[in-house]
Amino acid sequence: IGEHHGLLQGLIETCIRNDYPEDYQ
């Protein structure tokens, strides 16, 4: 997931940043 970050175009931020803050970091 980290490797694909830029190509996911914000999906990481949209889908898990708020619900899984530690995993997001």
PDBML (XML) file of the C-alpha atoms, coordinates in Angstrom:
<?xml version="1.0" encoding="UTF-8" ?>
<PDBx:datablock datablockName="MODEL"
   xmlns:PDBx="http://pdbml.pdb.org/schema/pdbx-v50.xsd"
   xmlns:xsi="http://www.w3.org/2001/XMLSchema-instance"
   xsi:schemaLocation="http://pdbml.pdb.org/schema/pdbx-v50.xsd pdbx-v50.xsd">
   <PDBx:atom_siteCategory>
      <PDBx:atom_site id="1">
         <PDBx:B_iso_or_equiv>0.00</PDBx:B_iso_or_equiv>
         <PDBx:Cartn_x>0.000</PDBx:Cartn_x>
         <PDBx:Cartn_y>0.000</PDBx:Cartn_y>
         <PDBx:Cartn_z>0.000</PDBx:Cartn_z>
         <PDBx:auth_asym_id>A</PDBx:auth_asym_id>
         <PDBx:auth_atom_id>CA</PDBx:auth_atom_id>
         <PDBx:auth_comp_id>ILE</PDBx:auth_comp_id>
         <PDBx:auth_seq_id>1</PDBx:auth_seq_id>
         <PDBx:group_PDB>ATOM</PDBx:group_PDB>
         <PDBx:label_alt_id xsi:nil="true" />
         <PDBx:label_asym_id>A</PDBx:label_asym_id>
         <PDBx:label_atom_id>CA</PDBx:label_atom_id>
         <PDBx:label_comp_id>ILE</PDBx:label_comp_id>
         <PDBx:label_entity_id>1</PDBx:label_entity_id>
         <PDBx:label_seq_id>1</PDBx:label_seq_id>
         <PDBx:occupancy>1.00</PDBx:occupancy>
         <PDBx:pdbx_PDB_model_num>1</PDBx:pdbx_PDB_model_num>
         <PDBx:type_symbol>C</PDBx:type_symbol>
      </PDBx:atom_site>
      <PDBx:atom_site id="2">
         <PDBx:B_iso_or_equiv>0.00</PDBx:B_iso_or_equiv>
         <PDBx:Cartn_x>2.846</PDBx:Cartn_x>
         <PDBx:Cartn_y>2.357</PDBx:Cartn_y>
         <PDBx:Cartn_z>0.816</PDBx:Cartn_z>
         <PDBx:auth_asym_id>A</PDBx:auth_asym_id>
         <PDBx:auth_atom_id>CA</PDBx:auth_atom_id>
         <PDBx:auth_comp_id>GLY</PDBx:auth_comp_id>
         <PDBx:auth_seq_id>2</PDBx:auth_seq_id>
         <PDBx:group_PDB>ATOM</PDBx:group_PDB>
         <PDBx:label_alt_id xsi:nil="true" />
         <PDBx:label_asym_id>A</PDBx:label_asym_id>
         <PDBx:label_atom_id>CA</PDBx:label_atom_id>
         <PDBx:label_comp_id>GLY</PDBx:label_comp_id>
         <PDBx:label_entity_id>1</PDBx:label_entity_id>
         <PDBx:label_seq_id>2</PDBx:label_seq_id>
         <PDBx:occupancy>1.00</PDBx:occupancy>
         <PDBx:pdbx_PDB_model_num>1</PDBx:pdbx_PDB_model_num>
         <PDBx:type_symbol>C</PDBx:type_symbol>
      </PDBx:atom_site>
      <PDBx:atom_site id="3">
         <PDBx:B_iso_or_equiv>0.00</PDBx:B_iso_or_equiv>
         <PDBx:Cartn_x>4.582</PDBx:Cartn_x>
         <PDBx:Cartn_y>1.483</PDBx:Cartn_y>
         <PDBx:Cartn_z>-2.438</PDBx:Cartn_z>
         <PDBx:auth_asym_id>A</PDBx:auth_asym_id>
         <PDBx:auth_atom_id>CA</PDBx:auth_atom_id>
         <PDBx:auth_comp_id>GLU</PDBx:auth_comp_id>
         <PDBx:auth_seq_id>3</PDBx:auth_seq_id>
         <PDBx:group_PDB>ATOM</PDBx:group_PDB>
         <PDBx:label_alt_id xsi:nil="true" />
         <PDBx:label_asym_id>A</PDBx:label_asym_id>
         <PDBx:label_atom_id>CA</PDBx:label_atom_id>
         <PDBx:label_comp_id>GLU</PDBx:label_comp_id>
         <PDBx:label_entity_id>1</PDBx:label_entity_id>
         <PDBx:label_seq_id>3</PDBx:label_seq_id>
         <PDBx:occupancy>1.00</PDBx:occupancy>
         <PDBx:pdbx_PDB_model_num>1</PDBx:pdbx_PDB_model_num>
         <PDBx:type_symbol>C</PDBx:type_symbol>
      </PDBx:atom_site>
      <PDBx:atom_site id="4">
         <PDBx:B_iso_or_equiv>0.00</PDBx:B_iso_or_equiv>
         <PDBx:Cartn_x>1.472</PDBx:Cartn_x>
         <PDBx:Cartn_y>2.447</PDBx:Cartn_y>
         <PDBx:Cartn_z>-4.440</PDBx:Cartn_z>
         <PDBx:auth_asym_id>A</PDBx:auth_asym_id>
         <PDBx:auth_atom_id>CA</PDBx:auth_atom_id>
         <PDBx:auth_comp_id>HIS</PDBx:auth_comp_id>
         <PDBx:auth_seq_id>4</PDBx:auth_seq_id>
         <PDBx:group_PDB>ATOM</PDBx:group_PDB>
         <PDBx:label_alt_id xsi:nil="true" />
         <PDBx:label_asym_id>A</PDBx:label_asym_id>
         <PDBx:label_atom_id>CA</PDBx:label_atom_id>
         <PDBx:label_comp_id>HIS</PDBx:label_comp_id>
         <PDBx:label_entity_id>1</PDBx:label_entity_id>
         <PDBx:label_seq_id>4</PDBx:label_seq_id>
         <PDBx:occupancy>1.00</PDBx:occupancy>
         <PDBx:pdbx_PDB_model_num>1</PDBx:pdbx_PDB_model_num>
         <PDBx:type_symbol>C</PDBx:type_symbol>
      </PDBx:atom_site>
      <PDBx:atom_site id="5">
         <PDBx:B_iso_or_equiv>0.00</PDBx:B_iso_or_equiv>
         <PDBx:Cartn_x>0.700</PDBx:Cartn_x>
         <PDBx:Cartn_y>5.627</PDBx:Cartn_y>
         <PDBx:Cartn_z>-2.478</PDBx:Cartn_z>
         <PDBx:auth_asym_id>A</PDBx:auth_asym_id>
         <PDBx:auth_atom_id>CA</PDBx:auth_atom_id>
         <PDBx:auth_comp_id>HIS</PDBx:auth_comp_id>
         <PDBx:auth_seq_id>5</PDBx:auth_seq_id>
         <PDBx:group_PDB>ATOM</PDBx:group_PDB>
         <PDBx:label_alt_id xsi:nil="true" />
         <PDBx:label_asym_id>A</PDBx:label_asym_id>
         <PDBx:label_atom_id>CA</PDBx:label_atom_id>
         <PDBx:label_comp_id>HIS</PDBx:label_comp_id>
         <PDBx:label_entity_id>1</PDBx:label_entity_id>
         <PDBx:label_seq_id>5</PDBx:label_seq_id>
         <PDBx:occupancy>1.00</PDBx:occupancy>
         <PDBx:pdbx_PDB_model_num>1</PDBx:pdbx_PDB_model_num>
         <PDBx:type_symbol>C</PDBx:type_symbol>
      </PDBx:atom_site>
      <PDBx:atom_site id="6">
         <PDBx:B_iso_or_equiv>0.00</PDBx:B_iso_or_equiv>
         <PDBx:Cartn_x>1.044</PDBx:Cartn_x>
         <PDBx:Cartn_y>8.235</PDBx:Cartn_y>
         <PDBx:Cartn_z>-5.219</PDBx:Cartn_z>
         <PDBx:auth_asym_id>A</PDBx:auth_asym_id>
         <PDBx:auth_atom_id>CA</PDBx:auth_atom_id>
         <PDBx:auth_comp_id>GLY</PDBx:auth_comp_id>
         <PDBx:auth_seq_id>6</PDBx:auth_seq_id>
         <PDBx:group_PDB>ATOM</PDBx:group_PDB>
         <PDBx:label_alt_id xsi:nil="true" />
         <PDBx:label_asym_id>A</PDBx:label_asym_id>
         <PDBx:label_atom_id>CA</PDBx:label_atom_id>
         <PDBx:label_comp_id>GLY</PDBx:label_comp_id>
         <PDBx:label_entity_id>1</PDBx:label_entity_id>
         <PDBx:label_seq_id>6</PDBx:label_seq_id>
         <PDBx:occupancy>1.00</PDBx:occupancy>
         <PDBx:pdbx_PDB_model_num>1</PDBx:pdbx_PDB_model_num>
         <PDBx:type_symbol>C</PDBx:type_symbol>
      </PDBx:atom_site>
      <PDBx:atom_site id="7">
         <PDBx:B_iso_or_equiv>0.00</PDBx:B_iso_or_equiv>
         <PDBx:Cartn_x>-0.670</PDBx:Cartn_x>
         <PDBx:Cartn_y>6.085</PDBx:Cartn_y>
         <PDBx:Cartn_z>-7.844</PDBx:Cartn_z>
         <PDBx:auth_asym_id>A</PDBx:auth_asym_id>
         <PDBx:auth_atom_id>CA</PDBx:auth_atom_id>
         <PDBx:auth_comp_id>LEU</PDBx:auth_comp_id>
         <PDBx:auth_seq_id>7</PDBx:auth_seq_id>
         <PDBx:group_PDB>ATOM</PDBx:group_PDB>
         <PDBx:label_alt_id xsi:nil="true" />
         <PDBx:label_asym_id>A</PDBx:label_asym_id>
         <PDBx:label_atom_id>CA</PDBx:label_atom_id>
         <PDBx:label_comp_id>LEU</PDBx:label_comp_id>
         <PDBx:label_entity_id>1</PDBx:label_entity_id>
         <PDBx:label_seq_id>7</PDBx:label_seq_id>
         <PDBx:occupancy>1.00</PDBx:occupancy>
         <PDBx:pdbx_PDB_model_num>1</PDBx:pdbx_PDB_model_num>
         <PDBx:type_symbol>C</PDBx:type_symbol>
      </PDBx:atom_site>
      <PDBx:atom_site id="8">
         <PDBx:B_iso_or_equiv>0.00</PDBx:B_iso_or_equiv>
         <PDBx:Cartn_x>-3.667</PDBx:Cartn_x>
         <PDBx:Cartn_y>5.541</PDBx:Cartn_y>
         <PDBx:Cartn_z>-5.544</PDBx:Cartn_z>
         <PDBx:auth_asym_id>A</PDBx:auth_asym_id>
         <PDBx:auth_atom_id>CA</PDBx:auth_atom_id>
         <PDBx:auth_comp_id>LEU</PDBx:auth_comp_id>
         <PDBx:auth_seq_id>8</PDBx:auth_seq_id>
         <PDBx:group_PDB>ATOM</PDBx:group_PDB>
         <PDBx:label_alt_id xsi:nil="true" />
         <PDBx:label_asym_id>A</PDBx:label_asym_id>
         <PDBx:label_atom_id>CA</PDBx:label_atom_id>
         <PDBx:label_comp_id>LEU</PDBx:label_comp_id>
         <PDBx:label_entity_id>1</PDBx:label_entity_id>
         <PDBx:label_seq_id>8</PDBx:label_seq_id>
         <PDBx:occupancy>1.00</PDBx:occupancy>
         <PDBx:pdbx_PDB_model_num>1</PDBx:pdbx_PDB_model_num>
         <PDBx:type_symbol>C</PDBx:type_symbol>
      </PDBx:atom_site>
      <PDBx:atom_site id="9">
         <PDBx:B_iso_or_equiv>0.00</PDBx:B_iso_or_equiv>
         <PDBx:Cartn_x>-4.386</PDBx:Cartn_x>
         <PDBx:Cartn_y>9.256</PDBx:Cartn_y>
         <PDBx:Cartn_z>-5.841</PDBx:Cartn_z>
         <PDBx:auth_asym_id>A</PDBx:auth_asym_id>
         <PDBx:auth_atom_id>CA</PDBx:auth_atom_id>
         <PDBx:auth_comp_id>GLN</PDBx:auth_comp_id>
         <PDBx:auth_seq_id>9</PDBx:auth_seq_id>
         <PDBx:group_PDB>ATOM</PDBx:group_PDB>
         <PDBx:label_alt_id xsi:nil="true" />
         <PDBx:label_asym_id>A</PDBx:label_asym_id>
         <PDBx:label_atom_id>CA</PDBx:label_atom_id>
         <PDBx:label_comp_id>GLN</PDBx:label_comp_id>
         <PDBx:label_entity_id>1</PDBx:label_entity_id>
         <PDBx:label_seq_id>9</PDBx:label_seq_id>
         <PDBx:occupancy>1.00</PDBx:occupancy>
         <PDBx:pdbx_PDB_model_num>1</PDBx:pdbx_PDB_model_num>
         <PDBx:type_symbol>C</PDBx:type_symbol>
      </PDBx:atom_site>
      <PDBx:atom_site id="10">
         <PDBx:B_iso_or_equiv>0.00</PDBx:B_iso_or_equiv>
         <PDBx:Cartn_x>-5.684</PDBx:Cartn_x>
         <PDBx:Cartn_y>9.972</PDBx:Cartn_y>
         <PDBx:Cartn_z>-2.361</PDBx:Cartn_z>
         <PDBx:auth_asym_id>A</PDBx:auth_asym_id>
         <PDBx:auth_atom_id>CA</PDBx:auth_atom_id>
         <PDBx:auth_comp_id>GLY</PDBx:auth_comp_id>
         <PDBx:auth_seq_id>10</PDBx:auth_seq_id>
         <PDBx:group_PDB>ATOM</PDBx:group_PDB>
         <PDBx:label_alt_id xsi:nil="true" />
         <PDBx:label_asym_id>A</PDBx:label_asym_id>
         <PDBx:label_atom_id>CA</PDBx:label_atom_id>
         <PDBx:label_comp_id>GLY</PDBx:label_comp_id>
         <PDBx:label_entity_id>1</PDBx:label_entity_id>
         <PDBx:label_seq_id>10</PDBx:label_seq_id>
         <PDBx:occupancy>1.00</PDBx:occupancy>
         <PDBx:pdbx_PDB_model_num>1</PDBx:pdbx_PDB_model_num>
         <PDBx:type_symbol>C</PDBx:type_symbol>
      </PDBx:atom_site>
      <PDBx:atom_site id="11">
         <PDBx:B_iso_or_equiv>0.00</PDBx:B_iso_or_equiv>
         <PDBx:Cartn_x>-7.455</PDBx:Cartn_x>
         <PDBx:Cartn_y>6.681</PDBx:Cartn_y>
         <PDBx:Cartn_z>-1.616</PDBx:Cartn_z>
         <PDBx:auth_asym_id>A</PDBx:auth_asym_id>
         <PDBx:auth_atom_id>CA</PDBx:auth_atom_id>
         <PDBx:auth_comp_id>LEU</PDBx:auth_comp_id>
         <PDBx:auth_seq_id>11</PDBx:auth_seq_id>
         <PDBx:group_PDB>ATOM</PDBx:group_PDB>
         <PDBx:label_alt_id xsi:nil="true" />
         <PDBx:label_asym_id>A</PDBx:label_asym_id>
         <PDBx:label_atom_id>CA</PDBx:label_atom_id>
         <PDBx:label_comp_id>LEU</PDBx:label_comp_id>
         <PDBx:label_entity_id>1</PDBx:label_entity_id>
         <PDBx:label_seq_id>11</PDBx:label_seq_id>
         <PDBx:occupancy>1.00</PDBx:occupancy>
         <PDBx:pdbx_PDB_model_num>1</PDBx:pdbx_PDB_model_num>
         <PDBx:type_symbol>C</PDBx:type_symbol>
      </PDBx:atom_site>
      <PDBx:atom_site id="12">
         <PDBx:B_iso_or_equiv>0.00</PDBx:B_iso_or_equiv>
         <PDBx:Cartn_x>-5.238</PDBx:Cartn_x>
         <PDBx:Cartn_y>6.045</PDBx:Cartn_y>
         <PDBx:Cartn_z>1.408</PDBx:Cartn_z>
         <PDBx:auth_asym_id>A</PDBx:auth_asym_id>
         <PDBx:auth_atom_id>CA</PDBx:auth_atom_id>
         <PDBx:auth_comp_id>ILE</PDBx:auth_comp_id>
         <PDBx:auth_seq_id>12</PDBx:auth_seq_id>
         <PDBx:group_PDB>ATOM</PDBx:group_PDB>
         <PDBx:label_alt_id xsi:nil="true" />
         <PDBx:label_asym_id>A</PDBx:label_asym_id>
         <PDBx:label_atom_id>CA</PDBx:label_atom_id>
         <PDBx:label_comp_id>ILE</PDBx:label_comp_id>
         <PDBx:label_entity_id>1</PDBx:label_entity_id>
         <PDBx:label_seq_id>12</PDBx:label_seq_id>
         <PDBx:occupancy>1.00</PDBx:occupancy>
         <PDBx:pdbx_PDB_model_num>1</PDBx:pdbx_PDB_model_num>
         <PDBx:type_symbol>C</PDBx:type_symbol>
      </PDBx:atom_site>
      <PDBx:atom_site id="13">
         <PDBx:B_iso_or_equiv>0.00</PDBx:B_iso_or_equiv>
         <PDBx:Cartn_x>-6.114</PDBx:Cartn_x>
         <PDBx:Cartn_y>9.447</PDBx:Cartn_y>
         <PDBx:Cartn_z>2.849</PDBx:Cartn_z>
         <PDBx:auth_asym_id>A</PDBx:auth_asym_id>
         <PDBx:auth_atom_id>CA</PDBx:auth_atom_id>
         <PDBx:auth_comp_id>GLU</PDBx:auth_comp_id>
         <PDBx:auth_seq_id>13</PDBx:auth_seq_id>
         <PDBx:group_PDB>ATOM</PDBx:group_PDB>
         <PDBx:label_alt_id xsi:nil="true" />
         <PDBx:label_asym_id>A</PDBx:label_asym_id>
         <PDBx:label_atom_id>CA</PDBx:label_atom_id>
         <PDBx:label_comp_id>GLU</PDBx:label_comp_id>
         <PDBx:label_entity_id>1</PDBx:label_entity_id>
         <PDBx:label_seq_id>13</PDBx:label_seq_id>
         <PDBx:occupancy>1.00</PDBx:occupancy>
         <PDBx:pdbx_PDB_model_num>1</PDBx:pdbx_PDB_model_num>
         <PDBx:type_symbol>C</PDBx:type_symbol>
      </PDBx:atom_site>
      <PDBx:atom_site id="14">
         <PDBx:B_iso_or_equiv>0.00</PDBx:B_iso_or_equiv>
         <PDBx:Cartn_x>-9.796</PDBx:Cartn_x>
         <PDBx:Cartn_y>9.092</PDBx:Cartn_y>
         <PDBx:Cartn_z>2.010</PDBx:Cartn_z>
         <PDBx:auth_asym_id>A</PDBx:auth_asym_id>
         <PDBx:auth_atom_id>CA</PDBx:auth_atom_id>
         <PDBx:auth_comp_id>THR</PDBx:auth_comp_id>
         <PDBx:auth_seq_id>14</PDBx:auth_seq_id>
         <PDBx:group_PDB>ATOM</PDBx:group_PDB>
         <PDBx:label_alt_id xsi:nil="true" />
         <PDBx:label_asym_id>A</PDBx:label_asym_id>
         <PDBx:label_atom_id>CA</PDBx:label_atom_id>
         <PDBx:label_comp_id>THR</PDBx:label_comp_id>
         <PDBx:label_entity_id>1</PDBx:label_entity_id>
         <PDBx:label_seq_id>14</PDBx:label_seq_id>
         <PDBx:occupancy>1.00</PDBx:occupancy>
         <PDBx:pdbx_PDB_model_num>1</PDBx:pdbx_PDB_model_num>
         <PDBx:type_symbol>C</PDBx:type_symbol>
      </PDBx:atom_site>
      <PDBx:atom_site id="15">
         <PDBx:B_iso_or_equiv>0.00</PDBx:B_iso_or_equiv>
         <PDBx:Cartn_x>-10.300</PDBx:Cartn_x>
         <PDBx:Cartn_y>5.522</PDBx:Cartn_y>
         <PDBx:Cartn_z>3.200</PDBx:Cartn_z>
         <PDBx:auth_asym_id>A</PDBx:auth_asym_id>
         <PDBx:auth_atom_id>CA</PDBx:auth_atom_id>
         <PDBx:auth_comp_id>CYS</PDBx:auth_comp_id>
         <PDBx:auth_seq_id>15</PDBx:auth_seq_id>
         <PDBx:group_PDB>ATOM</PDBx:group_PDB>
         <PDBx:label_alt_id xsi:nil="true" />
         <PDBx:label_asym_id>A</PDBx:label_asym_id>
         <PDBx:label_atom_id>CA</PDBx:label_atom_id>
         <PDBx:label_comp_id>CYS</PDBx:label_comp_id>
         <PDBx:label_entity_id>1</PDBx:label_entity_id>
         <PDBx:label_seq_id>15</PDBx:label_seq_id>
         <PDBx:occupancy>1.00</PDBx:occupancy>
         <PDBx:pdbx_PDB_model_num>1</PDBx:pdbx_PDB_model_num>
         <PDBx:type_symbol>C</PDBx:type_symbol>
      </PDBx:atom_site>
      <PDBx:atom_site id="16">
         <PDBx:B_iso_or_equiv>0.00</PDBx:B_iso_or_equiv>
         <PDBx:Cartn_x>-8.096</PDBx:Cartn_x>
         <PDBx:Cartn_y>4.967</PDBx:Cartn_y>
         <PDBx:Cartn_z>6.249</PDBx:Cartn_z>
         <PDBx:auth_asym_id>A</PDBx:auth_asym_id>
         <PDBx:auth_atom_id>CA</PDBx:auth_atom_id>
         <PDBx:auth_comp_id>ILE</PDBx:auth_comp_id>
         <PDBx:auth_seq_id>16</PDBx:auth_seq_id>
         <PDBx:group_PDB>ATOM</PDBx:group_PDB>
         <PDBx:label_alt_id xsi:nil="true" />
         <PDBx:label_asym_id>A</PDBx:label_asym_id>
         <PDBx:label_atom_id>CA</PDBx:label_atom_id>
         <PDBx:label_comp_id>ILE</PDBx:label_comp_id>
         <PDBx:label_entity_id>1</PDBx:label_entity_id>
         <PDBx:label_seq_id>16</PDBx:label_seq_id>
         <PDBx:occupancy>1.00</PDBx:occupancy>
         <PDBx:pdbx_PDB_model_num>1</PDBx:pdbx_PDB_model_num>
         <PDBx:type_symbol>C</PDBx:type_symbol>
      </PDBx:atom_site>
      <PDBx:atom_site id="17">
         <PDBx:B_iso_or_equiv>0.00</PDBx:B_iso_or_equiv>
         <PDBx:Cartn_x>-6.465</PDBx:Cartn_x>
         <PDBx:Cartn_y>8.171</PDBx:Cartn_y>
         <PDBx:Cartn_z>7.525</PDBx:Cartn_z>
         <PDBx:auth_asym_id>A</PDBx:auth_asym_id>
         <PDBx:auth_atom_id>CA</PDBx:auth_atom_id>
         <PDBx:auth_comp_id>ARG</PDBx:auth_comp_id>
         <PDBx:auth_seq_id>17</PDBx:auth_seq_id>
         <PDBx:group_PDB>ATOM</PDBx:group_PDB>
         <PDBx:label_alt_id xsi:nil="true" />
         <PDBx:label_asym_id>A</PDBx:label_asym_id>
         <PDBx:label_atom_id>CA</PDBx:label_atom_id>
         <PDBx:label_comp_id>ARG</PDBx:label_comp_id>
         <PDBx:label_entity_id>1</PDBx:label_entity_id>
         <PDBx:label_seq_id>17</PDBx:label_seq_id>
         <PDBx:occupancy>1.00</PDBx:occupancy>
         <PDBx:pdbx_PDB_model_num>1</PDBx:pdbx_PDB_model_num>
         <PDBx:type_symbol>C</PDBx:type_symbol>
      </PDBx:atom_site>
      <PDBx:atom_site id="18">
         <PDBx:B_iso_or_equiv>0.00</PDBx:B_iso_or_equiv>
         <PDBx:Cartn_x>-9.233</PDBx:Cartn_x>
         <PDBx:Cartn_y>8.927</PDBx:Cartn_y>
         <PDBx:Cartn_z>10.027</PDBx:Cartn_z>
         <PDBx:auth_asym_id>A</PDBx:auth_asym_id>
         <PDBx:auth_atom_id>CA</PDBx:auth_atom_id>
         <PDBx:auth_comp_id>ASN</PDBx:auth_comp_id>
         <PDBx:auth_seq_id>18</PDBx:auth_seq_id>
         <PDBx:group_PDB>ATOM</PDBx:group_PDB>
         <PDBx:label_alt_id xsi:nil="true" />
         <PDBx:label_asym_id>A</PDBx:label_asym_id>
         <PDBx:label_atom_id>CA</PDBx:label_atom_id>
         <PDBx:label_comp_id>ASN</PDBx:label_comp_id>
         <PDBx:label_entity_id>1</PDBx:label_entity_id>
         <PDBx:label_seq_id>18</PDBx:label_seq_id>
         <PDBx:occupancy>1.00</PDBx:occupancy>
         <PDBx:pdbx_PDB_model_num>1</PDBx:pdbx_PDB_model_num>
         <PDBx:type_symbol>C</PDBx:type_symbol>
      </PDBx:atom_site>
      <PDBx:atom_site id="19">
         <PDBx:B_iso_or_equiv>0.00</PDBx:B_iso_or_equiv>
         <PDBx:Cartn_x>-10.267</PDBx:Cartn_x>
         <PDBx:Cartn_y>5.386</PDBx:Cartn_y>
         <PDBx:Cartn_z>10.977</PDBx:Cartn_z>
         <PDBx:auth_asym_id>A</PDBx:auth_asym_id>
         <PDBx:auth_atom_id>CA</PDBx:auth_atom_id>
         <PDBx:auth_comp_id>ASP</PDBx:auth_comp_id>
         <PDBx:auth_seq_id>19</PDBx:auth_seq_id>
         <PDBx:group_PDB>ATOM</PDBx:group_PDB>
         <PDBx:label_alt_id xsi:nil="true" />
         <PDBx:label_asym_id>A</PDBx:label_asym_id>
         <PDBx:label_atom_id>CA</PDBx:label_atom_id>
         <PDBx:label_comp_id>ASP</PDBx:label_comp_id>
         <PDBx:label_entity_id>1</PDBx:label_entity_id>
         <PDBx:label_seq_id>19</PDBx:label_seq_id>
         <PDBx:occupancy>1.00</PDBx:occupancy>
         <PDBx:pdbx_PDB_model_num>1</PDBx:pdbx_PDB_model_num>
         <PDBx:type_symbol>C</PDBx:type_symbol>
      </PDBx:atom_site>
      <PDBx:atom_site id="20">
         <PDBx:B_iso_or_equiv>0.00</PDBx:B_iso_or_equiv>
         <PDBx:Cartn_x>-6.779</PDBx:Cartn_x>
         <PDBx:Cartn_y>3.881</PDBx:Cartn_y>
         <PDBx:Cartn_z>11.199</PDBx:Cartn_z>
         <PDBx:auth_asym_id>A</PDBx:auth_asym_id>
         <PDBx:auth_atom_id>CA</PDBx:auth_atom_id>
         <PDBx:auth_comp_id>TYR</PDBx:auth_comp_id>
         <PDBx:auth_seq_id>20</PDBx:auth_seq_id>
         <PDBx:group_PDB>ATOM</PDBx:group_PDB>
         <PDBx:label_alt_id xsi:nil="true" />
         <PDBx:label_asym_id>A</PDBx:label_asym_id>
         <PDBx:label_atom_id>CA</PDBx:label_atom_id>
         <PDBx:label_comp_id>TYR</PDBx:label_comp_id>
         <PDBx:label_entity_id>1</PDBx:label_entity_id>
         <PDBx:label_seq_id>20</PDBx:label_seq_id>
         <PDBx:occupancy>1.00</PDBx:occupancy>
         <PDBx:pdbx_PDB_model_num>1</PDBx:pdbx_PDB_model_num>
         <PDBx:type_symbol>C</PDBx:type_symbol>
      </PDBx:atom_site>
      <PDBx:atom_site id="21">
         <PDBx:B_iso_or_equiv>0.00</PDBx:B_iso_or_equiv>
         <PDBx:Cartn_x>-4.463</PDBx:Cartn_x>
         <PDBx:Cartn_y>6.789</PDBx:Cartn_y>
         <PDBx:Cartn_z>12.136</PDBx:Cartn_z>
         <PDBx:auth_asym_id>A</PDBx:auth_asym_id>
         <PDBx:auth_atom_id>CA</PDBx:auth_atom_id>
         <PDBx:auth_comp_id>PRO</PDBx:auth_comp_id>
         <PDBx:auth_seq_id>21</PDBx:auth_seq_id>
         <PDBx:group_PDB>ATOM</PDBx:group_PDB>
         <PDBx:label_alt_id xsi:nil="true" />
         <PDBx:label_asym_id>A</PDBx:label_asym_id>
         <PDBx:label_atom_id>CA</PDBx:label_atom_id>
         <PDBx:label_comp_id>PRO</PDBx:label_comp_id>
         <PDBx:label_entity_id>1</PDBx:label_entity_id>
         <PDBx:label_seq_id>21</PDBx:label_seq_id>
         <PDBx:occupancy>1.00</PDBx:occupancy>
         <PDBx:pdbx_PDB_model_num>1</PDBx:pdbx_PDB_model_num>
         <PDBx:type_symbol>C</PDBx:type_symbol>
      </PDBx:atom_site>
      <PDBx:atom_site id="22">
         <PDBx:B_iso_or_equiv>0.00</PDBx:B_iso_or_equiv>
         <PDBx:Cartn_x>-1.590</PDBx:Cartn_x>
         <PDBx:Cartn_y>4.653</PDBx:Cartn_y>
         <PDBx:Cartn_z>13.438</PDBx:Cartn_z>
         <PDBx:auth_asym_id>A</PDBx:auth_asym_id>
         <PDBx:auth_atom_id>CA</PDBx:auth_atom_id>
         <PDBx:auth_comp_id>GLU</PDBx:auth_comp_id>
         <PDBx:auth_seq_id>22</PDBx:auth_seq_id>
         <PDBx:group_PDB>ATOM</PDBx:group_PDB>
         <PDBx:label_alt_id xsi:nil="true" />
         <PDBx:label_asym_id>A</PDBx:label_asym_id>
         <PDBx:label_atom_id>CA</PDBx:label_atom_id>
         <PDBx:label_comp_id>GLU</PDBx:label_comp_id>
         <PDBx:label_entity_id>1</PDBx:label_entity_id>
         <PDBx:label_seq_id>22</PDBx:label_seq_id>
         <PDBx:occupancy>1.00</PDBx:occupancy>
         <PDBx:pdbx_PDB_model_num>1</PDBx:pdbx_PDB_model_num>
         <PDBx:type_symbol>C</PDBx:type_symbol>
      </PDBx:atom_site>
      <PDBx:atom_site id="23">
         <PDBx:B_iso_or_equiv>0.00</PDBx:B_iso_or_equiv>
         <PDBx:Cartn_x>-1.601</PDBx:Cartn_x>
         <PDBx:Cartn_y>2.397</PDBx:Cartn_y>
         <PDBx:Cartn_z>10.390</PDBx:Cartn_z>
         <PDBx:auth_asym_id>A</PDBx:auth_asym_id>
         <PDBx:auth_atom_id>CA</PDBx:auth_atom_id>
         <PDBx:auth_comp_id>ASP</PDBx:auth_comp_id>
         <PDBx:auth_seq_id>23</PDBx:auth_seq_id>
         <PDBx:group_PDB>ATOM</PDBx:group_PDB>
         <PDBx:label_alt_id xsi:nil="true" />
         <PDBx:label_asym_id>A</PDBx:label_asym_id>
         <PDBx:label_atom_id>CA</PDBx:label_atom_id>
         <PDBx:label_comp_id>ASP</PDBx:label_comp_id>
         <PDBx:label_entity_id>1</PDBx:label_entity_id>
         <PDBx:label_seq_id>23</PDBx:label_seq_id>
         <PDBx:occupancy>1.00</PDBx:occupancy>
         <PDBx:pdbx_PDB_model_num>1</PDBx:pdbx_PDB_model_num>
         <PDBx:type_symbol>C</PDBx:type_symbol>
      </PDBx:atom_site>
      <PDBx:atom_site id="24">
         <PDBx:B_iso_or_equiv>0.00</PDBx:B_iso_or_equiv>
         <PDBx:Cartn_x>-1.843</PDBx:Cartn_x>
         <PDBx:Cartn_y>5.462</PDBx:Cartn_y>
         <PDBx:Cartn_z>8.176</PDBx:Cartn_z>
         <PDBx:auth_asym_id>A</PDBx:auth_asym_id>
         <PDBx:auth_atom_id>CA</PDBx:auth_atom_id>
         <PDBx:auth_comp_id>TYR</PDBx:auth_comp_id>
         <PDBx:auth_seq_id>24</PDBx:auth_seq_id>
         <PDBx:group_PDB>ATOM</PDBx:group_PDB>
         <PDBx:label_alt_id xsi:nil="true" />
         <PDBx:label_asym_id>A</PDBx:label_asym_id>
         <PDBx:label_atom_id>CA</PDBx:label_atom_id>
         <PDBx:label_comp_id>TYR</PDBx:label_comp_id>
         <PDBx:label_entity_id>1</PDBx:label_entity_id>
         <PDBx:label_seq_id>24</PDBx:label_seq_id>
         <PDBx:occupancy>1.00</PDBx:occupancy>
         <PDBx:pdbx_PDB_model_num>1</PDBx:pdbx_PDB_model_num>
         <PDBx:type_symbol>C</PDBx:type_symbol>
      </PDBx:atom_site>
      <PDBx:atom_site id="25">
         <PDBx:B_iso_or_equiv>0.00</PDBx:B_iso_or_equiv>
         <PDBx:Cartn_x>1.328</PDBx:Cartn_x>
         <PDBx:Cartn_y>6.918</PDBx:Cartn_y>
         <PDBx:Cartn_z>9.690</PDBx:Cartn_z>
         <PDBx:auth_asym_id>A</PDBx:auth_asym_id>
         <PDBx:auth_atom_id>CA</PDBx:auth_atom_id>
         <PDBx:auth_comp_id>GLN</PDBx:auth_comp_id>
         <PDBx:auth_seq_id>25</PDBx:auth_seq_id>
         <PDBx:group_PDB>ATOM</PDBx:group_PDB>
         <PDBx:label_alt_id xsi:nil="true" />
         <PDBx:label_asym_id>A</PDBx:label_asym_id>
         <PDBx:label_atom_id>CA</PDBx:label_atom_id>
         <PDBx:label_comp_id>GLN</PDBx:label_comp_id>
         <PDBx:label_entity_id>1</PDBx:label_entity_id>
         <PDBx:label_seq_id>25</PDBx:label_seq_id>
         <PDBx:occupancy>1.00</PDBx:occupancy>
         <PDBx:pdbx_PDB_model_num>1</PDBx:pdbx_PDB_model_num>
         <PDBx:type_symbol>C</PDBx:type_symbol>
      </PDBx:atom_site>
   </PDBx:atom_siteCategory>
</PDBx:datablock>
